Amino acid sequence: MIKKLTRHGNSLALVIDRPILDLLNIDPETPLEVTTDGKQLIISAATPSERRDRFNAAQELAHKKYGKAFQKLAE
């Protein structure tokens, strides 16, 4: 499939057709990672990093352990 960029304000945008979005389960809330190998533009759904996973687990543990204290502090 050959695509052309579309002007979007002072930038250029690549419009991705609905069938491709549906095939890849991408919606407006899906974070996308844009990279290049120096010759190609690579767009993929961003996957959470291991560091983010550890942070989320620590945050959940803190909420379970100290949730009531956090609530009182917020009030």
PDB file of N, CA and C in Angstrom:
ATOM      1  N   MET A   1       0.845  -1.162   0.000  1.00  0.00           N
ATOM      2  CA  MET A   1       0.000   0.000   0.000  1.00  0.00           C
ATOM      3  C   MET A   1       0.901   1.238   0.000  1.00  0.00           C
ATOM      4  N   ILE A   2       0.656   2.129  -0.897  1.00  0.00           N
ATOM      5  CA  ILE A   2       1.393   3.387  -0.982  1.00  0.00           C
ATOM      6  C   ILE A   2       0.521   4.476  -0.366  1.00  0.00           C
ATOM      7  N   LYS A   3       1.095   5.268   0.546  1.00  0.00           N
ATOM      8  CA  LYS A   3       0.369   6.347   1.220  1.00  0.00           C
ATOM      9  C   LYS A   3       1.134   7.644   1.030  1.00  0.00           C
ATOM     10  N   LYS A   4       0.419   8.755   1.094  1.00  0.00           N
ATOM     11  CA  LYS A   4       1.038  10.073   1.077  1.00  0.00           C
ATOM     12  C   LYS A   4       0.738  10.738   2.404  1.00  0.00           C
ATOM     13  N   LEU A   5       1.642  11.599   2.840  1.00  0.00           N
ATOM     14  CA  LEU A   5       1.435  12.337   4.077  1.00  0.00           C
ATOM     15  C   LEU A   5       0.421  13.450   3.837  1.00  0.00           C
ATOM     16  N   THR A   6      -0.316  13.779   4.885  1.00  0.00           N
ATOM     17  CA  THR A   6      -1.335  14.818   4.841  1.00  0.00           C
ATOM     18  C   THR A   6      -0.897  15.963   5.738  1.00  0.00           C
ATOM     19  N   ARG A   7      -1.085  17.203   5.290  1.00  0.00           N
ATOM     20  CA  ARG A   7      -0.732  18.357   6.105  1.00  0.00           C
ATOM     21  C   ARG A   7      -1.682  18.433   7.293  1.00  0.00           C
ATOM     22  N   HIS A   8      -1.101  18.627   8.488  1.00  0.00           N
ATOM     23  CA  HIS A   8      -1.859  18.727   9.744  1.00  0.00           C
ATOM     24  C   HIS A   8      -1.247  19.879  10.533  1.00  0.00           C
ATOM     25  N   GLY A   9      -1.785  21.102  10.354  1.00  0.00           N
ATOM     26  CA  GLY A   9      -1.181  22.284  10.963  1.00  0.00           C
ATOM     27  C   GLY A   9       0.185  22.510  10.347  1.00  0.00           C
ATOM     28  N   ASN A  10       1.210  22.646  11.191  1.00  0.00           N
ATOM     29  CA  ASN A  10       2.584  22.820  10.708  1.00  0.00           C
ATOM     30  C   ASN A  10       3.299  21.492  10.540  1.00  0.00           C
ATOM     31  N   SER A  11       2.594  20.395  10.739  1.00  0.00           N
ATOM     32  CA  SER A  11       3.204  19.066  10.674  1.00  0.00           C
ATOM     33  C   SER A  11       2.629  18.274   9.509  1.00  0.00           C
ATOM     34  N   LEU A  12       3.111  17.064   9.371  1.00  0.00           N
ATOM     35  CA  LEU A  12       2.571  16.123   8.396  1.00  0.00           C
ATOM     36  C   LEU A  12       2.051  14.910   9.149  1.00  0.00           C
ATOM     37  N   ALA A  13       0.965  14.322   8.673  1.00  0.00           N
ATOM     38  CA  ALA A  13       0.345  13.178   9.338  1.00  0.00           C
ATOM     39  C   ALA A  13       0.209  12.022   8.359  1.00  0.00           C
ATOM     40  N   LEU A  14       0.289  10.837   8.886  1.00  0.00           N
ATOM     41  CA  LEU A  14       0.053   9.627   8.109  1.00  0.00           C
ATOM     42  C   LEU A  14      -1.304   9.082   8.539  1.00  0.00           C
ATOM     43  N   VAL A  15      -2.240   9.017   7.616  1.00  0.00           N
ATOM     44  CA  VAL A  15      -3.569   8.504   7.926  1.00  0.00           C
ATOM     45  C   VAL A  15      -3.547   6.991   7.751  1.00  0.00           C
ATOM     46  N   ILE A  16      -3.927   6.283   8.809  1.00  0.00           N
ATOM     47  CA  ILE A  16      -3.950   4.816   8.772  1.00  0.00           C
ATOM     48  C   ILE A  16      -5.396   4.377   8.562  1.00  0.00           C
ATOM     49  N   ASP A  17      -5.616   3.586   7.529  1.00  0.00           N
ATOM     50  CA  ASP A  17      -6.972   3.164   7.174  1.00  0.00           C
ATOM     51  C   ASP A  17      -7.593   2.280   8.252  1.00  0.00           C
ATOM     52  N   ARG A  18      -8.908   2.371   8.411  1.00  0.00           N
ATOM     53  CA  ARG A  18      -9.664   1.641   9.421  1.00  0.00           C
ATOM     54  C   ARG A  18      -9.399   0.137   9.393  1.00  0.00           C
ATOM     55  N   PRO A  19      -9.376  -0.545   8.228  1.00  0.00           N
ATOM     56  CA  PRO A  19      -9.123  -1.994   8.249  1.00  0.00           C
ATOM     57  C   PRO A  19      -7.793  -2.358   8.905  1.00  0.00           C
ATOM     58  N   ILE A  20      -6.773  -1.537   8.700  1.00  0.00           N
ATOM     59  CA  ILE A  20      -5.476  -1.819   9.320  1.00  0.00           C
ATOM     60  C   ILE A  20      -5.561  -1.597  10.820  1.00  0.00           C
ATOM     61  N   LEU A  21      -6.214  -0.508  11.244  1.00  0.00           N
ATOM     62  CA  LEU A  21      -6.393  -0.245  12.677  1.00  0.00           C
ATOM     63  C   LEU A  21      -7.155  -1.383  13.348  1.00  0.00           C
ATOM     64  N   ASP A  22      -8.209  -1.852  12.684  1.00  0.00           N
ATOM     65  CA  ASP A  22      -9.002  -2.957  13.243  1.00  0.00           C
ATOM     66  C   ASP A  22      -8.185  -4.243  13.328  1.00  0.00           C
ATOM     67  N   LEU A  23      -7.417  -4.522  12.296  1.00  0.00           N
ATOM     68  CA  LEU A  23      -6.594  -5.730  12.269  1.00  0.00           C
ATOM     69  C   LEU A  23      -5.595  -5.746  13.417  1.00  0.00           C
ATOM     70  N   LEU A  24      -5.026  -4.575  13.738  1.00  0.00           N
ATOM     71  CA  LEU A  24      -4.002  -4.482  14.774  1.00  0.00           C
ATOM     72  C   LEU A  24      -4.562  -4.084  16.136  1.00  0.00           C
ATOM     73  N   ASN A  25      -5.891  -3.964  16.228  1.00  0.00           N
ATOM     74  CA  ASN A  25      -6.555  -3.562  17.478  1.00  0.00           C
ATOM     75  C   ASN A  25      -6.009  -2.242  18.010  1.00  0.00           C
ATOM     76  N   ILE A  26      -5.875  -1.267  17.131  1.00  0.00           N
ATOM     77  CA  ILE A  26      -5.398   0.060  17.505  1.00  0.00           C
ATOM     78  C   ILE A  26      -6.583   1.014  17.508  1.00  0.00           C
ATOM     79  N   ASP A  27      -6.726   1.752  18.603  1.00  0.00           N
ATOM     80  CA  ASP A  27      -7.769   2.775  18.697  1.00  0.00           C
ATOM     81  C   ASP A  27      -7.114   4.091  19.107  1.00  0.00           C
ATOM     82  N   PRO A  28      -7.888   5.176  19.237  1.00  0.00           N
ATOM     83  CA  PRO A  28      -7.279   6.470  19.572  1.00  0.00           C
ATOM     84  C   PRO A  28      -6.526   6.490  20.902  1.00  0.00           C
ATOM     85  N   GLU A  29      -6.799   5.541  21.791  1.00  0.00           N
ATOM     86  CA  GLU A  29      -6.141   5.493  23.100  1.00  0.00           C
ATOM     87  C   GLU A  29      -4.885   4.625  23.112  1.00  0.00           C
ATOM     88  N   THR A  30      -4.607   3.923  22.025  1.00  0.00           N
ATOM     89  CA  THR A  30      -3.451   3.022  21.962  1.00  0.00           C
ATOM     90  C   THR A  30      -2.163   3.825  21.824  1.00  0.00           C
ATOM     91  N   PRO A  31      -1.235   3.696  22.781  1.00  0.00           N
ATOM     92  CA  PRO A  31       0.042   4.393  22.610  1.00  0.00           C
ATOM     93  C   PRO A  31       0.859   3.696  21.517  1.00  0.00           C
ATOM     94  N   LEU A  32       1.437   4.507  20.642  1.00  0.00           N
ATOM     95  CA  LEU A  32       2.230   3.963  19.545  1.00  0.00           C
ATOM     96  C   LEU A  32       3.692   4.369  19.717  1.00  0.00           C
ATOM     97  N   GLU A  33       4.568   3.442  19.389  1.00  0.00           N
ATOM     98  CA  GLU A  33       6.005   3.709  19.425  1.00  0.00           C
ATOM     99  C   GLU A  33       6.472   3.911  17.987  1.00  0.00           C
ATOM    100  N   VAL A  34       7.138   5.030  17.730  1.00  0.00           N
ATOM    101  CA  VAL A  34       7.647   5.333  16.396  1.00  0.00           C
ATOM    102  C   VAL A  34       9.165   5.264  16.462  1.00  0.00           C
ATOM    103  N   THR A  35       9.742   4.374  15.671  1.00  0.00           N
ATOM    104  CA  THR A  35      11.197   4.211  15.630  1.00  0.00           C
ATOM    105  C   THR A  35      11.650   4.166  14.174  1.00  0.00           C
ATOM    106  N   THR A  36      12.944   4.140  13.985  1.00  0.00           N
ATOM    107  CA  THR A  36      13.501   4.005  12.643  1.00  0.00           C
ATOM    108  C   THR A  36      14.789   3.202  12.720  1.00  0.00           C
ATOM    109  N   ASP A  37      15.087   2.527  11.645  1.00  0.00           N
ATOM    110  CA  ASP A  37      16.369   1.832  11.550  1.00  0.00           C
ATOM    111  C   ASP A  37      17.312   2.616  10.644  1.00  0.00           C
ATOM    112  N   GLY A  38      16.943   3.852  10.337  1.00  0.00           N
ATOM    113  CA  GLY A  38      17.738   4.695   9.457  1.00  0.00           C
ATOM    114  C   GLY A  38      17.286   4.651   8.017  1.00  0.00           C
ATOM    115  N   LYS A  39      16.480   3.647   7.679  1.00  0.00           N
ATOM    116  CA  LYS A  39      15.968   3.521   6.313  1.00  0.00           C
ATOM    117  C   LYS A  39      14.449   3.403   6.287  1.00  0.00           C
ATOM    118  N   GLN A  40      13.887   2.892   7.371  1.00  0.00           N
ATOM    119  CA  GLN A  40      12.447   2.661   7.421  1.00  0.00           C
ATOM    120  C   GLN A  40      11.861   3.287   8.668  1.00  0.00           C
ATOM    121  N   LEU A  41      10.621   3.723   8.556  1.00  0.00           N
ATOM    122  CA  LEU A  41       9.855   4.208   9.694  1.00  0.00           C
ATOM    123  C   LEU A  41       9.076   3.018  10.236  1.00  0.00           C
ATOM    124  N   ILE A  42       9.178   2.764  11.526  1.00  0.00           N
ATOM    125  CA  ILE A  42       8.530   1.610  12.135  1.00  0.00           C
ATOM    126  C   ILE A  42       7.549   2.108  13.196  1.00  0.00           C
ATOM    127  N   ILE A  43       6.281   1.769  13.019  1.00  0.00           N
ATOM    128  CA  ILE A  43       5.236   2.182  13.956  1.00  0.00           C
ATOM    129  C   ILE A  43       4.636   0.913  14.555  1.00  0.00           C
ATOM    130  N   SER A  44       4.650   0.825  15.887  1.00  0.00           N
ATOM    131  CA  SER A  44       4.095  -0.357  16.544  1.00  0.00           C
ATOM    132  C   SER A  44       3.405   0.060  17.834  1.00  0.00           C
ATOM    133  N   ALA A  45       2.484  -0.768  18.275  1.00  0.00           N
ATOM    134  CA  ALA A  45       1.837  -0.510  19.555  1.00  0.00           C
ATOM    135  C   ALA A  45       2.896  -0.592  20.644  1.00  0.00           C
ATOM    136  N   ALA A  46       2.919   0.413  21.500  1.00  0.00           N
ATOM    137  CA  ALA A  46       3.916   0.448  22.572  1.00  0.00           C
ATOM    138  C   ALA A  46       3.589  -0.604  23.610  1.00  0.00           C
ATOM    139  N   THR A  47       4.594  -1.322  24.043  1.00  0.00           N
ATOM    140  CA  THR A  47       4.409  -2.305  25.099  1.00  0.00           C
ATOM    141  C   THR A  47       5.006  -1.750  26.386  1.00  0.00           C
ATOM    142  N   PRO A  48       4.341  -1.974  27.508  1.00  0.00           N
ATOM    143  CA  PRO A  48       4.886  -1.468  28.767  1.00  0.00           C
ATOM    144  C   PRO A  48       6.265  -2.062  29.035  1.00  0.00           C
ATOM    145  N   SER A  49       7.149  -1.234  29.516  1.00  0.00           N
ATOM    146  CA  SER A  49       8.493  -1.710  29.815  1.00  0.00           C
ATOM    147  C   SER A  49       8.494  -2.477  31.134  1.00  0.00           C
ATOM    148  N   GLU A  50       9.551  -3.233  31.365  1.00  0.00           N
ATOM    149  CA  GLU A  50       9.694  -3.978  32.614  1.00  0.00           C
ATOM    150  C   GLU A  50       9.721  -3.007  33.795  1.00  0.00           C
ATOM    151  N   ARG A  51      10.388  -1.860  33.593  1.00  0.00           N
ATOM    152  CA  ARG A  51      10.458  -0.855  34.656  1.00  0.00           C
ATOM    153  C   ARG A  51       9.060  -0.348  35.004  1.00  0.00           C
ATOM    154  N   ARG A  52       8.219  -0.082  33.985  1.00  0.00           N
ATOM    155  CA  ARG A  52       6.854   0.381  34.210  1.00  0.00           C
ATOM    156  C   ARG A  52       6.047  -0.690  34.937  1.00  0.00           C
ATOM    157  N   ASP A  53       6.236  -1.941  34.569  1.00  0.00           N
ATOM    158  CA  ASP A  53       5.532  -3.044  35.235  1.00  0.00           C
ATOM    159  C   ASP A  53       5.898  -3.109  36.714  1.00  0.00           C
ATOM    160  N   ARG A  54       7.191  -2.953  37.029  1.00  0.00           N
ATOM    161  CA  ARG A  54       7.623  -2.973  38.434  1.00  0.00           C
ATOM    162  C   ARG A  54       7.039  -1.787  39.194  1.00  0.00           C
ATOM    163  N   PHE A  55       7.014  -0.612  38.554  1.00  0.00           N
ATOM    164  CA  PHE A  55       6.443   0.573  39.176  1.00  0.00           C
ATOM    165  C   PHE A  55       4.962   0.363  39.479  1.00  0.00           C
ATOM    166  N   ASN A  56       4.222  -0.167  38.500  1.00  0.00           N
ATOM    167  CA  ASN A  56       2.785  -0.411  38.701  1.00  0.00           C
ATOM    168  C   ASN A  56       2.547  -1.404  39.832  1.00  0.00           C
ATOM    169  N   ALA A  57       3.373  -2.443  39.922  1.00  0.00           N
ATOM    170  CA  ALA A  57       3.232  -3.432  40.996  1.00  0.00           C
ATOM    171  C   ALA A  57       3.509  -2.791  42.349  1.00  0.00           C
ATOM    172  N   ALA A  58       4.546  -1.954  42.435  1.00  0.00           N
ATOM    173  CA  ALA A  58       4.870  -1.273  43.691  1.00  0.00           C
ATOM    174  C   ALA A  58       3.756  -0.304  44.075  1.00  0.00           C
ATOM    175  N   GLN A  59       3.207   0.384  43.106  1.00  0.00           N
ATOM    176  CA  GLN A  59       2.121   1.325  43.372  1.00  0.00           C
ATOM    177  C   GLN A  59       0.878   0.586  43.890  1.00  0.00           C
ATOM    178  N   GLU A  60       0.577  -0.536  43.299  1.00  0.00           N
ATOM    179  CA  GLU A  60      -0.574  -1.329  43.733  1.00  0.00           C
ATOM    180  C   GLU A  60      -0.367  -1.846  45.159  1.00  0.00           C
ATOM    181  N   LEU A  61       0.829  -2.320  45.464  1.00  0.00           N
ATOM    182  CA  LEU A  61       1.137  -2.803  46.805  1.00  0.00           C
ATOM    183  C   LEU A  61       1.010  -1.674  47.824  1.00  0.00           C
ATOM    184  N   ALA A  62       1.543  -0.493  47.485  1.00  0.00           N
ATOM    185  CA  ALA A  62       1.450   0.655  48.396  1.00  0.00           C
ATOM    186  C   ALA A  62       0.000   1.048  48.615  1.00  0.00           C
ATOM    187  N   HIS A  63      -0.799   0.986  47.571  1.00  0.00           N
ATOM    188  CA  HIS A  63      -2.212   1.334  47.709  1.00  0.00           C
ATOM    189  C   HIS A  63      -2.939   0.337  48.613  1.00  0.00           C
ATOM    190  N   LYS A  64      -2.640  -0.943  48.441  1.00  0.00           N
ATOM    191  CA  LYS A  64      -3.272  -1.957  49.299  1.00  0.00           C
ATOM    192  C   LYS A  64      -2.856  -1.783  50.754  1.00  0.00           C
ATOM    193  N   LYS A  65      -1.570  -1.500  50.956  1.00  0.00           N
ATOM    194  CA  LYS A  65      -1.024  -1.434  52.310  1.00  0.00           C
ATOM    195  C   LYS A  65      -1.360  -0.110  53.006  1.00  0.00           C
ATOM    196  N   TYR A  66      -1.339   1.005  52.252  1.00  0.00           N
ATOM    197  CA  TYR A  66      -1.497   2.325  52.861  1.00  0.00           C
ATOM    198  C   TYR A  66      -2.657   3.133  52.265  1.00  0.00           C
ATOM    199  N   GLY A  67      -3.579   2.470  51.565  1.00  0.00           N
ATOM    200  CA  GLY A  67      -4.667   3.157  50.897  1.00  0.00           C
ATOM    201  C   GLY A  67      -5.492   4.042  51.821  1.00  0.00           C
ATOM    202  N   LYS A  68      -5.805   3.550  52.998  1.00  0.00           N
ATOM    203  CA  LYS A  68      -6.609   4.335  53.942  1.00  0.00           C
ATOM    204  C   LYS A  68      -5.840   5.572  54.411  1.00  0.00           C
ATOM    205  N   ALA A  69      -4.554   5.432  54.655  1.00  0.00           N
ATOM    206  CA  ALA A  69      -3.738   6.584  55.057  1.00  0.00           C
ATOM    207  C   ALA A  69      -3.673   7.611  53.928  1.00  0.00           C
ATOM    208  N   PHE A  70      -3.531   7.137  52.681  1.00  0.00           N
ATOM    209  CA  PHE A  70      -3.503   8.052  51.536  1.00  0.00           C
ATOM    210  C   PHE A  70      -4.827   8.819  51.443  1.00  0.00           C
ATOM    211  N   GLN A  71      -5.923   8.111  51.672  1.00  0.00           N
ATOM    212  CA  GLN A  71      -7.248   8.726  51.612  1.00  0.00           C
ATOM    213  C   GLN A  71      -7.378   9.825  52.676  1.00  0.00           C
ATOM    214  N   LYS A  72      -6.933   9.526  53.888  1.00  0.00           N
ATOM    215  CA  LYS A  72      -6.998  10.518  54.975  1.00  0.00           C
ATOM    216  C   LYS A  72      -6.123  11.725  54.642  1.00  0.00           C
ATOM    217  N   LEU A  73      -4.938  11.497  54.104  1.00  0.00           N
ATOM    218  CA  LEU A  73      -4.057  12.604  53.723  1.00  0.00           C
ATOM    219  C   LEU A  73      -4.685  13.473  52.636  1.00  0.00           C
ATOM    220  N   ALA A  74      -5.398  12.835  51.727  1.00  0.00           N
ATOM    221  CA  ALA A  74      -6.030  13.563  50.626  1.00  0.00           C
ATOM    222  C   ALA A  74      -7.160  14.457  51.138  1.00  0.00           C
ATOM    223  N   GLU A  75      -7.783  14.033  52.220  1.00  0.00           N
ATOM    224  CA  GLU A  75      -8.883  14.842  52.789  1.00  0.00           C
ATOM    225  C   GLU A  75      -8.280  15.963  53.567  1.00  0.00           C
TER     226      GLU A  75
END
